[in-house]
N, C-alpha and C. Protein backbone atom coordinates (compact mmCIF):
# COMPACT_ATOMS: atom_id res chain seq x y z
N MET A 1 57.82 -0.35 72.48
CA MET A 1 58.04 0.92 71.69
C MET A 1 59.69 1.32 72.24
N ASP A 2 59.78 0.92 73.74
CA ASP A 2 61.15 1.13 74.01
C ASP A 2 62.15 0.64 73.44
N ALA A 3 62.18 -0.47 73.05
CA ALA A 3 63.25 -1.10 72.22
C ALA A 3 63.61 -0.49 70.71
N PHE A 4 62.64 0.08 70.35
CA PHE A 4 62.29 0.65 68.85
C PHE A 4 63.47 1.54 68.43
N LEU A 5 63.53 2.42 69.10
CA LEU A 5 64.86 3.83 68.83
C LEU A 5 65.93 3.44 68.89
N PRO A 6 66.23 2.49 70.09
CA PRO A 6 67.71 1.67 69.84
C PRO A 6 67.86 1.07 68.57
N LEU A 7 67.02 0.08 68.43
CA LEU A 7 67.36 -0.92 67.16
C LEU A 7 67.30 -0.23 65.90
N LEU A 8 66.60 0.77 65.75
CA LEU A 8 66.35 1.94 64.50
C LEU A 8 67.75 2.51 64.56
N THR A 9 68.38 2.93 65.56
CA THR A 9 69.64 3.84 65.75
C THR A 9 70.91 2.61 65.07
N ILE A 10 70.71 1.61 65.61
CA ILE A 10 71.71 0.65 65.13
C ILE A 10 71.42 0.24 63.53
N PHE A 11 70.28 0.36 63.24
CA PHE A 11 70.08 -0.19 61.82
C PHE A 11 70.65 1.04 61.04
N LEU A 12 70.52 2.19 61.49
CA LEU A 12 70.44 3.42 60.50
C LEU A 12 72.34 3.51 60.59
N LEU A 13 72.89 3.20 61.53
CA LEU A 13 74.18 3.31 61.74
C LEU A 13 75.05 2.11 60.88
N ALA A 14 74.32 0.73 60.77
CA ALA A 14 74.87 -0.31 60.04
C ALA A 14 74.78 0.19 58.60
N VAL A 15 73.79 0.76 58.37
CA VAL A 15 73.49 1.13 56.81
C VAL A 15 74.47 2.47 56.59
N PHE A 16 74.59 2.98 57.22
CA PHE A 16 75.75 4.38 57.17
C PHE A 16 77.30 3.45 56.79
N VAL A 17 77.60 2.92 57.89
CA VAL A 17 78.91 2.49 57.74
C VAL A 17 79.04 1.30 56.67
N GLY A 18 78.09 0.27 56.46
CA GLY A 18 78.16 -0.52 55.24
C GLY A 18 78.37 0.42 53.84
N PHE A 19 77.08 1.49 54.01
CA PHE A 19 77.88 2.16 52.47
C PHE A 19 78.99 2.94 52.13
N GLU A 20 79.58 3.43 53.65
CA GLU A 20 80.96 4.15 53.41
C GLU A 20 81.72 2.82 53.21
N ILE A 21 81.83 1.68 53.53
CA ILE A 21 82.77 0.54 53.44
C ILE A 21 82.79 0.28 51.82
N ILE A 22 81.51 0.08 51.18
CA ILE A 22 81.52 -0.53 50.03
C ILE A 22 81.78 0.44 49.09
N THR A 23 81.47 1.65 49.27
CA THR A 23 81.96 2.60 48.13
C THR A 23 83.40 3.07 47.96
N LYS A 24 84.15 2.59 49.39
CA LYS A 24 85.43 3.01 49.45
C LYS A 24 86.48 1.64 48.91
N VAL A 25 85.52 0.75 48.16
CA VAL A 25 86.34 -0.80 47.79
C VAL A 25 86.67 -0.20 46.43
N PRO A 26 88.07 -0.42 45.93
CA PRO A 26 88.24 -0.12 44.68
C PRO A 26 87.65 -1.29 43.47
N PRO A 27 87.30 -1.00 42.46
CA PRO A 27 86.58 -1.49 41.60
C PRO A 27 87.39 -3.19 41.04
N LEU A 28 88.52 -3.21 41.47
CA LEU A 28 89.34 -4.33 41.03
C LEU A 28 88.89 -5.42 42.02
N LEU A 29 88.84 -4.80 43.51
CA LEU A 29 88.13 -5.74 44.49
C LEU A 29 87.03 -6.32 44.86
N HIS A 30 85.95 -5.15 44.21
CA HIS A 30 84.60 -5.32 44.47
C HIS A 30 83.80 -6.72 44.33
N THR A 31 84.15 -7.31 43.21
CA THR A 31 83.96 -8.65 42.94
C THR A 31 84.00 -9.85 43.82
N PRO A 32 85.49 -9.98 44.01
CA PRO A 32 85.65 -11.12 44.99
C PRO A 32 85.12 -10.56 46.28
N LEU A 33 85.03 -9.50 46.72
CA LEU A 33 84.87 -9.08 48.23
C LEU A 33 83.19 -9.35 48.49
N MET A 34 82.40 -9.11 47.13
CA MET A 34 80.87 -8.89 47.22
C MET A 34 80.44 -10.55 47.00
N SER A 35 81.37 -11.39 46.51
CA SER A 35 81.08 -12.82 46.33
C SER A 35 81.13 -13.41 47.81
N GLY A 36 82.26 -13.31 48.48
CA GLY A 36 82.30 -13.79 49.71
C GLY A 36 81.32 -13.07 50.56
N SER A 37 81.14 -11.80 50.65
CA SER A 37 80.08 -11.38 51.68
C SER A 37 78.58 -11.93 51.42
N ASN A 38 78.57 -12.18 49.99
CA ASN A 38 77.02 -12.76 49.47
C ASN A 38 76.81 -14.29 50.53
N ALA A 39 77.98 -14.95 50.37
CA ALA A 39 78.07 -16.20 50.95
C ALA A 39 77.46 -16.18 52.47
N ILE A 40 77.76 -14.89 53.19
CA ILE A 40 77.48 -14.77 54.67
C ILE A 40 76.17 -14.98 54.79
N SER A 41 75.30 -14.41 53.56
CA SER A 41 73.68 -14.41 53.61
C SER A 41 73.32 -15.88 54.08
N GLY A 42 74.08 -17.03 54.12
CA GLY A 42 73.91 -18.12 54.92
C GLY A 42 73.25 -17.90 56.37
N ILE A 43 73.73 -16.88 57.23
CA ILE A 43 72.95 -16.71 58.28
C ILE A 43 71.69 -16.19 58.16
N THR A 44 71.41 -15.48 56.98
CA THR A 44 70.00 -14.73 56.95
C THR A 44 69.20 -15.97 56.76
N ILE A 45 69.31 -17.10 56.06
CA ILE A 45 68.54 -18.37 55.46
C ILE A 45 68.45 -18.80 57.12
N ILE A 46 69.00 -18.85 58.00
CA ILE A 46 68.65 -19.37 59.33
C ILE A 46 67.59 -18.44 59.91
N GLY A 47 68.11 -17.28 59.77
CA GLY A 47 67.03 -16.66 60.80
C GLY A 47 65.50 -16.53 59.61
N ALA A 48 65.78 -16.86 58.84
CA ALA A 48 64.28 -16.58 57.74
C ALA A 48 63.71 -18.10 58.28
N LEU A 49 64.60 -19.19 58.17
CA LEU A 49 63.77 -20.57 58.70
C LEU A 49 63.34 -20.27 59.80
N LEU A 50 63.76 -19.71 60.93
CA LEU A 50 63.06 -19.68 62.40
C LEU A 50 61.81 -18.81 62.02
N SER A 51 62.11 -17.68 61.10
CA SER A 51 60.66 -16.67 60.96
C SER A 51 59.86 -17.63 60.24
N VAL A 52 60.04 -18.54 59.49
CA VAL A 52 58.92 -19.09 58.75
C VAL A 52 58.34 -20.20 59.77
N ALA A 53 59.06 -20.87 60.40
CA ALA A 53 58.48 -21.76 61.82
C ALA A 53 57.66 -20.86 62.93
N ALA A 54 58.02 -19.51 63.00
CA ALA A 54 57.05 -18.61 63.94
C ALA A 54 55.71 -19.04 63.82
N GLU A 55 54.89 -18.59 64.99
CA GLU A 55 53.42 -18.69 64.69
C GLU A 55 52.88 -17.07 63.77
N GLY A 56 51.80 -16.99 63.16
CA GLY A 56 51.47 -15.91 62.54
C GLY A 56 52.04 -15.99 60.97
N GLN A 57 50.72 -15.66 60.32
CA GLN A 57 50.79 -15.66 58.79
C GLN A 57 51.64 -14.54 58.27
N LEU A 58 51.86 -13.46 58.97
CA LEU A 58 52.64 -12.32 58.42
C LEU A 58 54.17 -12.69 58.71
N SER A 59 54.39 -13.12 60.07
CA SER A 59 55.89 -13.80 59.82
C SER A 59 56.16 -14.95 59.13
N THR A 60 55.20 -15.70 58.98
CA THR A 60 55.72 -16.74 57.70
C THR A 60 55.75 -15.97 56.46
N MET A 61 55.19 -15.05 56.08
CA MET A 61 54.93 -14.88 54.58
C MET A 61 56.66 -14.02 54.41
N LEU A 62 56.81 -13.04 55.40
CA LEU A 62 57.89 -12.45 55.26
C LEU A 62 59.21 -13.42 55.48
N GLY A 63 59.04 -14.28 56.18
CA GLY A 63 60.01 -15.27 56.26
C GLY A 63 60.45 -15.94 55.28
N PHE A 64 59.42 -16.49 54.40
CA PHE A 64 59.48 -17.28 53.07
C PHE A 64 60.24 -16.14 52.21
N GLY A 65 59.92 -15.07 52.14
CA GLY A 65 60.36 -14.05 51.20
C GLY A 65 61.76 -13.65 51.69
N ALA A 66 62.22 -13.59 52.70
CA ALA A 66 63.65 -13.36 52.85
C ALA A 66 64.60 -14.77 52.62
N LEU A 67 63.74 -15.70 53.20
CA LEU A 67 64.50 -17.29 52.26
C LEU A 67 64.90 -17.35 51.15
N VAL A 68 63.70 -16.98 50.41
CA VAL A 68 64.01 -16.95 48.90
C VAL A 68 65.19 -16.03 48.43
N LEU A 69 65.27 -14.56 48.88
CA LEU A 69 65.89 -13.99 48.52
C LEU A 69 67.46 -14.15 49.07
N ALA A 70 67.53 -14.64 50.24
CA ALA A 70 68.32 -15.26 50.59
C ALA A 70 69.39 -16.33 49.93
N THR A 71 68.56 -17.15 49.86
CA THR A 71 68.97 -18.11 49.01
C THR A 71 69.45 -17.83 47.62
N ILE A 72 68.89 -16.60 46.97
CA ILE A 72 69.50 -16.20 45.43
C ILE A 72 70.46 -15.90 45.66
N ASN A 73 70.67 -15.32 46.86
CA ASN A 73 71.99 -14.16 47.14
C ASN A 73 73.35 -15.08 47.48
N VAL A 74 72.88 -16.29 48.07
CA VAL A 74 73.81 -17.42 48.26
C VAL A 74 74.37 -18.04 47.10
N VAL A 75 73.33 -18.20 46.26
CA VAL A 75 73.72 -19.27 45.00
C VAL A 75 74.45 -18.23 44.22
N GLY A 76 74.14 -16.81 44.09
CA GLY A 76 74.74 -15.87 43.18
C GLY A 76 75.94 -15.59 43.67
N GLY A 77 76.31 -15.53 45.11
CA GLY A 77 77.72 -15.50 45.68
C GLY A 77 78.60 -16.83 44.98
N PHE A 78 78.58 -17.82 45.37
CA PHE A 78 78.71 -18.80 44.75
C PHE A 78 79.36 -18.87 43.50
N LEU A 79 78.05 -18.56 42.52
CA LEU A 79 78.59 -18.48 41.30
C LEU A 79 79.53 -17.77 40.55
N VAL A 80 79.73 -16.44 41.18
CA VAL A 80 80.32 -15.10 41.23
C VAL A 80 81.84 -15.89 41.45
N THR A 81 82.08 -16.31 42.84
CA THR A 81 83.18 -17.15 43.07
C THR A 81 83.63 -18.00 42.08
N HIS A 82 83.16 -18.81 41.80
CA HIS A 82 83.52 -20.07 40.82
C HIS A 82 83.92 -19.55 39.69
N ARG A 83 83.29 -18.65 38.82
CA ARG A 83 83.54 -17.98 37.73
C ARG A 83 84.75 -17.31 37.77
N MET A 84 85.15 -16.41 39.12
CA MET A 84 85.98 -15.61 39.20
C MET A 84 87.56 -16.65 39.52
N LEU A 85 87.02 -17.68 40.18
CA LEU A 85 88.30 -18.79 40.06
C LEU A 85 88.59 -19.23 39.27
N GLY A 86 87.76 -19.61 37.88
CA GLY A 86 87.74 -20.17 36.82
C GLY A 86 88.71 -19.23 35.72
N MET A 87 88.76 -17.96 36.25
CA MET A 87 89.55 -17.05 35.32
C MET A 87 91.32 -17.08 35.61
N PHE A 88 91.55 -17.75 36.70
CA PHE A 88 92.87 -17.62 36.98
C PHE A 88 93.43 -19.22 36.80
N LYS A 89 92.64 -20.27 36.42
CA LYS A 89 92.98 -21.57 35.93
C LYS A 89 93.78 -21.50 34.50
N LYS A 90 95.00 -22.16 34.56
CA LYS A 90 95.75 -22.15 33.32
C LYS A 90 95.05 -23.08 31.99
N LYS A 91 95.14 -22.21 30.96
CA LYS A 91 94.51 -22.77 29.69
C LYS A 91 95.15 -24.34 29.51
N ASP A 92 94.75 -24.80 28.99
CA ASP A 92 95.59 -26.21 28.48
C ASP A 92 95.98 -26.06 27.05
N GLN A 93 97.32 -26.24 26.95
CA GLN A 93 97.97 -25.96 25.58
C GLN A 93 97.90 -26.95 24.84
N ALA A 94 97.25 -27.01 23.52
CA ALA A 94 97.23 -28.17 22.87
C ALA A 94 97.77 -28.01 21.42
């Protein structure tokens, strides 16, 4: 319980700072920024894999849920990036 309060404080500060940063991003930059940051969810996949491998049924279930959601986030980030880069390709003139 001694470690709970500092961890909760860090979590709440991260939520506040993240919200403030995202709301200040212009709409034109939002899609490229979010597609790049979604790829960072690969780190979450590593943590989820470690959680799935840990002992305990609750840890395994939560880790599996995190693994599924982070994988969806990574794939979505790459799809958005691919689509965005496709918008900048020159069209073949026939």
